[in-house]
C-alpha atoms as a PDB file:
ATOM      1  CA  MET A   1     -37.357   5.644 -24.469  1.00  0.00           C
ATOM      2  CA  THR A   2     -38.275   4.305 -27.812  1.00  0.00           C
ATOM      3  CA  TRP A   3     -34.892   4.929 -29.289  1.00  0.00           C
ATOM      4  CA  LEU A   4     -33.372   2.637 -26.356  1.00  0.00           C
ATOM      5  CA  LYS A   5     -35.469  -0.240 -27.148  1.00  0.00           C
ATOM      6  CA  LYS A   6     -34.040   0.241 -30.570  1.00  0.00           C
ATOM      7  CA  SER A   7     -30.842   1.103 -30.730  1.00  0.00           C
ATOM      8  CA  ILE A   8     -27.870  -1.291 -31.307  1.00  0.00           C
ATOM      9  CA  MET A   9     -27.599  -1.650 -27.444  1.00  0.00           C
ATOM     10  CA  VAL A  10     -30.895  -4.050 -27.396  1.00  0.00           C
ATOM     11  CA  LYS A  11     -29.987  -5.186 -30.458  1.00  0.00           C
ATOM     12  CA  ARG A  12     -26.821  -6.478 -30.125  1.00  0.00           C
ATOM     13  CA  GLY A  13     -25.542  -5.813 -26.752  1.00  0.00           C
ATOM     14  CA  VAL A  14     -24.839  -8.223 -24.130  1.00  0.00           C
ATOM     15  CA  ALA A  15     -27.915  -7.589 -21.500  1.00  0.00           C
ATOM     16  CA  LYS A  16     -30.276  -6.414 -24.053  1.00  0.00           C
ATOM     17  CA  GLY A  17     -30.602  -2.867 -22.726  1.00  0.00           C
ATOM     18  CA  LYS A  18     -32.299  -4.398 -19.184  1.00  0.00           C
ATOM     19  CA  PRO A  19     -31.520  -3.002 -16.426  1.00  0.00           C
ATOM     20  CA  GLY A  20     -29.345  -5.558 -14.789  1.00  0.00           C
ATOM     21  CA  ASN A  21     -28.300  -5.202 -11.106  1.00  0.00           C
ATOM     22  CA  LYS A  22     -28.164  -2.151  -8.386  1.00  0.00           C
ATOM     23  CA  TYR A  23     -25.094  -0.614  -7.244  1.00  0.00           C
ATOM     24  CA  THR A  24     -23.513   2.480  -5.137  1.00  0.00           C
ATOM     25  CA  ILE A  25     -20.503   4.315  -5.313  1.00  0.00           C
ATOM     26  CA  THR A  26     -20.911   6.899  -2.168  1.00  0.00           C
ATOM     27  CA  GLU A  27     -18.060   9.384  -1.342  1.00  0.00           C
ATOM     28  CA  LYS A  28     -17.308   7.050   1.717  1.00  0.00           C
ATOM     29  CA  GLU A  29     -17.099   3.947  -0.342  1.00  0.00           C
ATOM     30  CA  GLN A  30     -14.818   5.666  -3.227  1.00  0.00           C
ATOM     31  CA  GLY A  31     -12.660   7.094  -0.330  1.00  0.00           C
ATOM     32  CA  GLU A  32      -9.920   8.919  -2.874  1.00  0.00           C
ATOM     33  CA  TYR A  33     -10.615  10.642  -5.589  1.00  0.00           C
ATOM     34  CA  HIS A  34      -8.099  10.251  -8.807  1.00  0.00           C
ATOM     35  CA  TYR A  35      -6.854  12.908 -11.073  1.00  0.00           C
ATOM     36  CA  VAL A  36      -5.436  11.023 -13.964  1.00  0.00           C
ATOM     37  CA  TYR A  37      -6.947   8.206 -16.347  1.00  0.00           C
ATOM     38  CA  GLY A  38      -4.988   5.639 -16.148  1.00  0.00           C
ATOM     39  CA  PRO A  39      -3.825   1.760 -14.734  1.00  0.00           C
ATOM     40  CA  TYR A  40      -2.916   3.753 -11.404  1.00  0.00           C
ATOM     41  CA  ALA A  41      -5.838   2.453  -9.175  1.00  0.00           C
ATOM     42  CA  ASN A  42      -7.765  -0.106  -7.876  1.00  0.00           C
ATOM     43  CA  PRO A  43     -11.520  -1.278  -9.644  1.00  0.00           C
ATOM     44  CA  VAL A  44     -14.443   0.727  -6.532  1.00  0.00           C
ATOM     45  CA  ILE A  45     -16.286  -1.868  -8.127  1.00  0.00           C
ATOM     46  CA  HIS A  46     -16.908  -4.907 -10.375  1.00  0.00           C
ATOM     47  CA  VAL A  47     -19.985  -5.104 -12.149  1.00  0.00           C
ATOM     48  CA  GLU A  48     -21.788  -6.731 -14.582  1.00  0.00           C
ATOM     49  CA  PRO A  49     -22.936  -5.621 -18.171  1.00  0.00           C
ATOM     50  CA  GLY A  50     -26.611  -3.775 -17.944  1.00  0.00           C
ATOM     51  CA  ALA A  51     -25.619  -3.052 -13.779  1.00  0.00           C
ATOM     52  CA  VAL A  52     -27.147   0.222 -13.034  1.00  0.00           C
ATOM     53  CA  ILE A  53     -25.144   2.360 -11.328  1.00  0.00           C
ATOM     54  CA  THR A  54     -26.025   5.524  -8.962  1.00  0.00           C
ATOM     55  CA  VAL A  55     -21.833   7.327  -7.905  1.00  0.00           C
ATOM     56  CA  GLU A  56     -22.184  10.351  -5.430  1.00  0.00           C
ATOM     57  CA  THR A  57     -19.117  12.691  -7.341  1.00  0.00           C
ATOM     58  CA  HIS A  58     -18.093  16.051  -6.267  1.00  0.00           C
ATOM     59  CA  ASP A  59     -17.976  19.318  -8.074  1.00  0.00           C
ATOM     60  CA  ALA A  60     -14.296  20.006 -10.146  1.00  0.00           C
ATOM     61  CA  PHE A  61     -13.075  21.091  -6.425  1.00  0.00           C
ATOM     62  CA  GLU A  62     -13.789  18.374  -4.783  1.00  0.00           C
ATOM     63  CA  GLY A  63     -16.232  20.436  -2.276  1.00  0.00           C
ATOM     64  CA  LYS A  64     -13.623  22.565  -0.417  1.00  0.00           C
ATOM     65  CA  ILE A  65     -14.574  25.965  -1.733  1.00  0.00           C
ATOM     66  CA  LYS A  66     -17.606  26.338   1.282  1.00  0.00           C
ATOM     67  CA  LYS A  67     -17.865  30.073   0.861  1.00  0.00           C
ATOM     68  CA  THR A  68     -17.565  33.475  -0.685  1.00  0.00           C
ATOM     69  CA  THR A  69     -14.654  34.184   1.319  1.00  0.00           C
ATOM     70  CA  ASP A  70     -12.330  31.088   0.288  1.00  0.00           C
ATOM     71  CA  LYS A  71      -9.218  32.343  -1.727  1.00  0.00           C
ATOM     72  CA  PRO A  72      -9.181  29.116  -4.051  1.00  0.00           C
ATOM     73  CA  SER A  73      -5.850  29.450  -4.881  1.00  0.00           C
ATOM     74  CA  LYS A  74      -5.168  29.233  -1.495  1.00  0.00           C
ATOM     75  CA  ILE A  75      -7.036  26.008  -0.938  1.00  0.00           C
ATOM     76  CA  LEU A  76      -7.212  24.013  -4.620  1.00  0.00           C
ATOM     77  CA  ASN A  77      -4.320  21.834  -4.951  1.00  0.00           C
ATOM     78  CA  PHE A  78      -3.575  22.644  -9.145  1.00  0.00           C
ATOM     79  CA  PRO A  79      -3.799  21.369 -11.083  1.00  0.00           C
ATOM     80  CA  TYR A  80      -5.565  18.353  -8.967  1.00  0.00           C
ATOM     81  CA  LEU A  81      -9.246  19.798  -9.633  1.00  0.00           C
ATOM     82  CA  ASN A  82     -11.942  17.464 -11.791  1.00  0.00           C
ATOM     83  CA  PRO A  83     -12.022  14.676  -9.009  1.00  0.00           C
ATOM     84  CA  GLN A  84     -12.461  11.385 -10.646  1.00  0.00           C
ATOM     85  CA  ASN A  85     -14.960   8.819  -8.935  1.00  0.00           C
ATOM     86  CA  GLY A  86     -13.804   4.643 -10.005  1.00  0.00           C
ATOM     87  CA  PRO A  87     -12.600   3.151 -11.525  1.00  0.00           C
ATOM     88  CA  ILE A  88     -15.228   0.418 -12.021  1.00  0.00           C
ATOM     89  CA  TYR A  89     -14.443  -2.925 -13.459  1.00  0.00           C
ATOM     90  CA  VAL A  90     -17.071  -4.522 -15.930  1.00  0.00           C
ATOM     91  CA  GLU A  91     -16.800  -8.065 -15.951  1.00  0.00           C
ATOM     92  CA  GLY A  92     -16.445 -10.008 -18.978  1.00  0.00           C
ATOM     93  CA  ALA A  93     -15.503  -6.841 -21.301  1.00  0.00           C
ATOM     94  CA  LYS A  94     -12.293  -7.334 -23.617  1.00  0.00           C
ATOM     95  CA  LYS A  95     -10.266  -5.844 -26.140  1.00  0.00           C
ATOM     96  CA  GLY A  96     -12.067  -5.005 -29.575  1.00  0.00           C
ATOM     97  CA  ASP A  97     -15.710  -4.576 -27.701  1.00  0.00           C
ATOM     98  CA  THR A  98     -17.652  -1.544 -27.078  1.00  0.00           C
ATOM     99  CA  LEU A  99     -19.390  -0.529 -23.609  1.00  0.00           C
ATOM    100  CA  ALA A 100     -22.058   1.403 -24.644  1.00  0.00           C
ATOM    101  CA  VAL A 101     -23.056   3.589 -20.393  1.00  0.00           C
ATOM    102  CA  PHE A 102     -26.193   5.421 -20.764  1.00  0.00           C
ATOM    103  CA  ILE A 103     -26.681   8.346 -18.695  1.00  0.00           C
ATOM    104  CA  LYS A 104     -30.066   7.840 -17.615  1.00  0.00           C
ATOM    105  CA  SER A 105     -30.387  11.372 -14.792  1.00  0.00           C
ATOM    106  CA  ILE A 106     -27.594  14.181 -13.137  1.00  0.00           C
ATOM    107  CA  LYS A 107     -29.395  15.761 -10.359  1.00  0.00           C
ATOM    108  CA  PRO A 108     -26.885  17.952  -7.604  1.00  0.00           C
ATOM    109  CA  ARG A 109     -27.016  16.490  -4.145  1.00  0.00           C
ATOM    110  CA  GLY A 110     -26.143  18.282  -0.829  1.00  0.00           C
ATOM    111  CA  LYS A 111     -26.823  21.630   0.804  1.00  0.00           C
ATOM    112  CA  GLN A 112     -28.215  24.656  -0.500  1.00  0.00           C
ATOM    113  CA  PRO A 113     -25.888  26.155  -2.184  1.00  0.00           C
ATOM    114  CA  VAL A 114     -24.708  23.587  -4.585  1.00  0.00           C
ATOM    115  CA  GLY A 115     -23.245  25.102  -6.935  1.00  0.00           C
ATOM    116  CA  THR A 116     -20.150  27.070  -7.256  1.00  0.00           C
ATOM    117  CA  THR A 117     -18.520  29.344  -9.710  1.00  0.00           C
ATOM    118  CA  CYS A 118     -15.060  31.363  -8.934  1.00  0.00           C
ATOM    119  CA  LEU A 119     -12.288  33.730 -10.357  1.00  0.00           C
ATOM    120  CA  ILE A 120      -9.033  32.590  -9.830  1.00  0.00           C
ATOM    121  CA  PRO A 121      -5.629  33.687 -10.394  1.00  0.00           C
ATOM    122  CA  ASP A 122      -3.980  32.777 -13.762  1.00  0.00           C
ATOM    123  CA  PHE A 123      -6.348  30.115 -14.638  1.00  0.00           C
ATOM    124  CA  GLY A 124      -9.979  29.876 -16.324  1.00  0.00           C
ATOM    125  CA  GLY A 125     -10.961  31.707 -19.480  1.00  0.00           C
ATOM    126  CA  LEU A 126     -12.117  34.507 -18.034  1.00  0.00           C
ATOM    127  CA  VAL A 127      -8.488  35.581 -16.155  1.00  0.00           C
ATOM    128  CA  GLY A 128      -4.908  36.115 -18.145  1.00  0.00           C
ATOM    129  CA  THR A 129      -2.792  33.125 -17.924  1.00  0.00           C
ATOM    130  CA  ALA A 130       1.103  32.103 -18.961  1.00  0.00           C
ATOM    131  CA  ASP A 131      -0.921  31.033 -21.907  1.00  0.00           C
ATOM    132  CA  THR A 132      -3.429  33.297 -22.834  1.00  0.00           C
ATOM    133  CA  ALA A 133      -3.034  37.007 -22.542  1.00  0.00           C
ATOM    134  CA  MET A 134      -5.224  39.547 -21.763  1.00  0.00           C
ATOM    135  CA  LEU A 135      -5.704  43.287 -22.296  1.00  0.00           C
ATOM    136  CA  ASN A 136      -7.198  43.988 -19.060  1.00  0.00           C
ATOM    137  CA  SER A 137      -5.746  44.571 -16.377  1.00  0.00           C
ATOM    138  CA  PRO A 138      -6.283  40.899 -13.206  1.00  0.00           C
ATOM    139  CA  LEU A 139      -9.807  40.268 -12.010  1.00  0.00           C
ATOM    140  CA  PRO A 140      -9.620  39.524  -8.508  1.00  0.00           C
ATOM    141  CA  GLU A 141     -10.598  36.413  -7.262  1.00  0.00           C
ATOM    142  CA  LYS A 142     -13.890  35.779  -6.325  1.00  0.00           C
ATOM    143  CA  VAL A 143     -16.299  33.268  -5.400  1.00  0.00           C
ATOM    144  CA  LYS A 144     -19.535  32.897  -5.673  1.00  0.00           C
ATOM    145  CA  LYS A 145     -22.216  30.082  -4.032  1.00  0.00           C
ATOM    146  CA  LEU A 146     -25.156  29.122  -6.134  1.00  0.00           C
ATOM    147  CA  VAL A 147     -28.677  27.495  -5.567  1.00  0.00           C
ATOM    148  CA  ILE A 148     -29.448  25.391  -7.618  1.00  0.00           C
ATOM    149  CA  ASP A 149     -32.631  22.953  -8.338  1.00  0.00           C
ATOM    150  CA  LYS A 150     -34.967  22.459 -10.144  1.00  0.00           C
ATOM    151  CA  LYS A 151     -36.030  25.841 -11.339  1.00  0.00           C
ATOM    152  CA  GLY A 152     -32.889  26.925 -12.077  1.00  0.00           C
ATOM    153  CA  VAL A 153     -29.570  28.032 -11.267  1.00  0.00           C
ATOM    154  CA  HIS A 154     -30.352  31.225  -8.702  1.00  0.00           C
ATOM    155  CA  TRP A 155     -27.980  33.931 -10.179  1.00  0.00           C
ATOM    156  CA  SER A 156     -30.086  36.434  -7.874  1.00  0.00           C
ATOM    157  CA  LYS A 157     -32.766  37.628  -6.241  1.00  0.00           C
ATOM    158  CA  LYS A 158     -34.394  38.276  -9.940  1.00  0.00           C
ATOM    159  CA  LEU A 159     -32.208  36.457 -12.522  1.00  0.00           C
ATOM    160  CA  THR A 160     -33.197  32.285 -12.491  1.00  0.00           C
ATOM    161  CA  LEU A 161     -30.813  30.862 -15.672  1.00  0.00           C
ATOM    162  CA  PRO A 162     -31.820  27.455 -16.986  1.00  0.00           C
ATOM    163  CA  TYR A 163     -29.010  24.659 -17.330  1.00  0.00           C
ATOM    164  CA  GLU A 164     -29.285  20.757 -18.319  1.00  0.00           C
ATOM    165  CA  PRO A 165     -26.599  19.260 -15.742  1.00  0.00           C
ATOM    166  CA  PHE A 166     -23.530  16.997 -18.051  1.00  0.00           C
ATOM    167  CA  ILE A 167     -21.312  15.029 -17.670  1.00  0.00           C
ATOM    168  CA  GLY A 168     -17.631  16.918 -16.719  1.00  0.00           C
ATOM    169  CA  THR A 169     -15.201  13.957 -17.371  1.00  0.00           C
ATOM    170  CA  ILE A 170     -16.531  10.419 -18.436  1.00  0.00           C
ATOM    171  CA  GLU A 171     -13.557   7.741 -19.850  1.00  0.00           C
ATOM    172  CA  LEU A 172     -13.339   4.251 -20.982  1.00  0.00           C
ATOM    173  CA  HIS A 173      -9.546   2.756 -20.973  1.00  0.00           C
ATOM    174  CA  LEU A 174      -8.131  -0.704 -21.228  1.00  0.00           C
ATOM    175  CA  LYS A 175      -5.576  -1.281 -18.416  1.00  0.00           C
ATOM    176  CA  LEU A 176      -1.771  -1.110 -19.280  1.00  0.00           C
ATOM    177  CA  ARG A 177       0.997  -2.153 -17.848  1.00  0.00           C
ATOM    178  CA  GLN A 178       4.136  -2.365 -18.828  1.00  0.00           C
ATOM    179  CA  SER A 179       6.653  -4.891 -19.333  1.00  0.00           C
ATOM    180  CA  LEU A 180      10.171  -4.899 -17.502  1.00  0.00           C
ATOM    181  CA  HIS A 181      11.936  -6.311 -19.759  1.00  0.00           C
ATOM    182  CA  TYR A 182      10.472  -5.612 -23.014  1.00  0.00           C
ATOM    183  CA  ASN A 183       8.773  -2.649 -22.436  1.00  0.00           C
ATOM    184  CA  GLN A 184       5.749  -3.668 -23.695  1.00  0.00           C
ATOM    185  CA  ILE A 185       1.927  -2.542 -22.849  1.00  0.00           C
ATOM    186  CA  ILE A 186       0.443  -5.649 -22.417  1.00  0.00           C
ATOM    187  CA  THR A 187      -3.789  -5.432 -22.367  1.00  0.00           C
ATOM    188  CA  GLU A 188      -5.176  -6.324 -19.521  1.00  0.00           C
ATOM    189  CA  ALA A 189      -8.643  -5.796 -18.877  1.00  0.00           C
ATOM    190  CA  ILE A 190     -11.111  -2.983 -19.357  1.00  0.00           C
ATOM    191  CA  TRP A 191     -11.485  -0.167 -17.005  1.00  0.00           C
ATOM    192  CA  MET A 192     -14.304   2.874 -16.363  1.00  0.00           C
ATOM    193  CA  TYR A 193     -13.720   5.746 -15.212  1.00  0.00           C
ATOM    194  CA  LEU A 194     -16.971   8.202 -13.824  1.00  0.00           C
ATOM    195  CA  MET A 195     -16.423  11.418 -12.838  1.00  0.00           C
ATOM    196  CA  LEU A 196     -19.495  14.079 -13.333  1.00  0.00           C
ATOM    197  CA  LEU A 197     -19.012  17.326 -12.846  1.00  0.00           C
ATOM    198  CA  LEU A 198     -22.515  18.720 -11.846  1.00  0.00           C
ATOM    199  CA  ILE A 199     -22.992  16.100  -8.994  1.00  0.00           C
ATOM    200  CA  LEU A 200     -25.670  13.135  -8.291  1.00  0.00           C
END
């Protein structure tokens, strides 16, 4: 990680690029997942600059689609998709600061097959929706469960696709409070939500 040693995080960051205390957010510790950013939930943990955090996240469907015979249109509660971990409260952060987050690794977890892809009526880029017309007839609802490991995404016995895990959603924002008297937005603290589309 030569670039990290030469980065602005090391030169000017509060933690100087050095790893601090270690924290975890397990599914149990997270408890309720969130589906919108904002000052609507209390922090799950408080950390200091330089903290190393391991987060157990869900897939976009919060793990509710478990088998190929499941019907997403009946199981999922739209628009409550892409569950978010956190918030994580960073001690000492204040308005005007820059928060640098280094993602060390993203690893699939849980019992195989851990991957889920599906066609859902009126949802997604492959089917017609109220906003996107298609010339073809509606595609049937379908679920495919996929084994994902170091070799890649096992689409079939003959086809394994390479993949790079990525962040589904990550957000930094100021906690905002609305004044009942003046309807003013007042900055109180910095919160951070973490959600990884592919689970740690």
